């Protein structure tokens, strides 16, 4: 326990100092080529993207580095930390559908959050049933939540009357570590069955996100299984300096709107070594998000890895500095996708998709600036978001459809500065794949297949 307490303190000290560090010493020849050859590229508008080598090693925080540095400092300082066990507050042992452990978790959180010392909240192996709960900050010190057991959501939809959008909500909690190897289960079946996307006769209603981190700074979420969300599984909103690693996020392929990891208005976030398979996007990145890195992602089933949708209801949206590297997608509806509605404004810029494997993916590479997710046809509009400076490098595998690459860009705002390098996407079954390219200005390097006609 003494080592555990020392780890908690040093963990956050090191994370704060490392999580926002960047590699700025290397120059990326691909970006130079893009600047010279791809029309519309503006190097002065986005100097950091060029200088840091395409956000190579955007966030250097790694658990092994933390452990090594912690061991070296362990004996140098006494670090008082309290341990709060949720079972110490009277967990009910009946295990039935009417079990409610919400108050127990609220009391444990209140004690930990109010402690001027660092606090470790321990959730032992057991199954706990929770109604919607808000873990409110700011707290007086660093907090680690160790989930070893299973936390299940209440199946009673009336429990969500006060807040229909959240189940587990971490609000304004800085220097937070959530880990433990346990399971968070949204019990989403009742919500899916009552979704208008499943039953067209029902009205469309909001459903809760299983886990939300709102306005959290210096946050680490790792080593958890999150499953069967009511709607989205994990959302990071208005947060900064976030590390996500070794998550398993799963729900049935037919579960509606169950995005795996959703990122909105969040900066400096890294997602690594995670397995995601849901009924919607494995990762979705929307407006206000900058400096996002996803590496070592296994995706499928689901809708792929998406930037957007953006520009709905004529909104002004911005996303920049996104790197997706080393992903494997299998059987998904899309591979790497940028989707924007007509009528919006703003931009999507400085995006890199690299070292990606596709296995029978329906739309492996797609930019869709005519996205329309509604029953009625969308009207034609002149305004659109500007999509520019997007790099696709070393993307290989098979397409489940004839069109392996689709650039359906805006006539008024064509896609600019698109670079394709070393692309090989065959059609599954030894049939011919093709590319559809409308209103796009692009350059190529190396062997690119299929080619725009």
Foldseek 3Di string as FASTA:
>chain_A
DQLVQLLLVLVLVVLVVQLQDAQQQDFAVVVVCLVVAWPPDDCVVPVSCGRRHLRVCRGVDDPVVSVVVSVVCSPVDRADEEEFELVVQPQDDPPDLPGESAVSVVVSLVVQQADLGHYEYEYAADEHEYFADESEDDGNDAYEYAHAYEYEYRPDQVSCPVPFAARYEYEQYENYHYAHQYEYEDQQPVLQVQACVNVVVHDHDHHYAYYEYEAYESYEYENYEFENHNAEHYEYELYESYEYEHYEYYYDLSRPNHADYEYYLYESYEYEQYEAEYNEEPYEYWFNYEQYEYANYEYDAYAEHEYDADCPPQEAGEYESYEYEHYEYENYQEYYEYEYDPNYEYAYESYEYEHYEYEQHAAHAEYYFHDDPDDDHDDDHQDTYAYEQYEYYQYEYEYQHQEHAEYHAHPNHAYISYEYENYYYQHPPRDHHAHDHDRYGYDYYYDHPPDHD
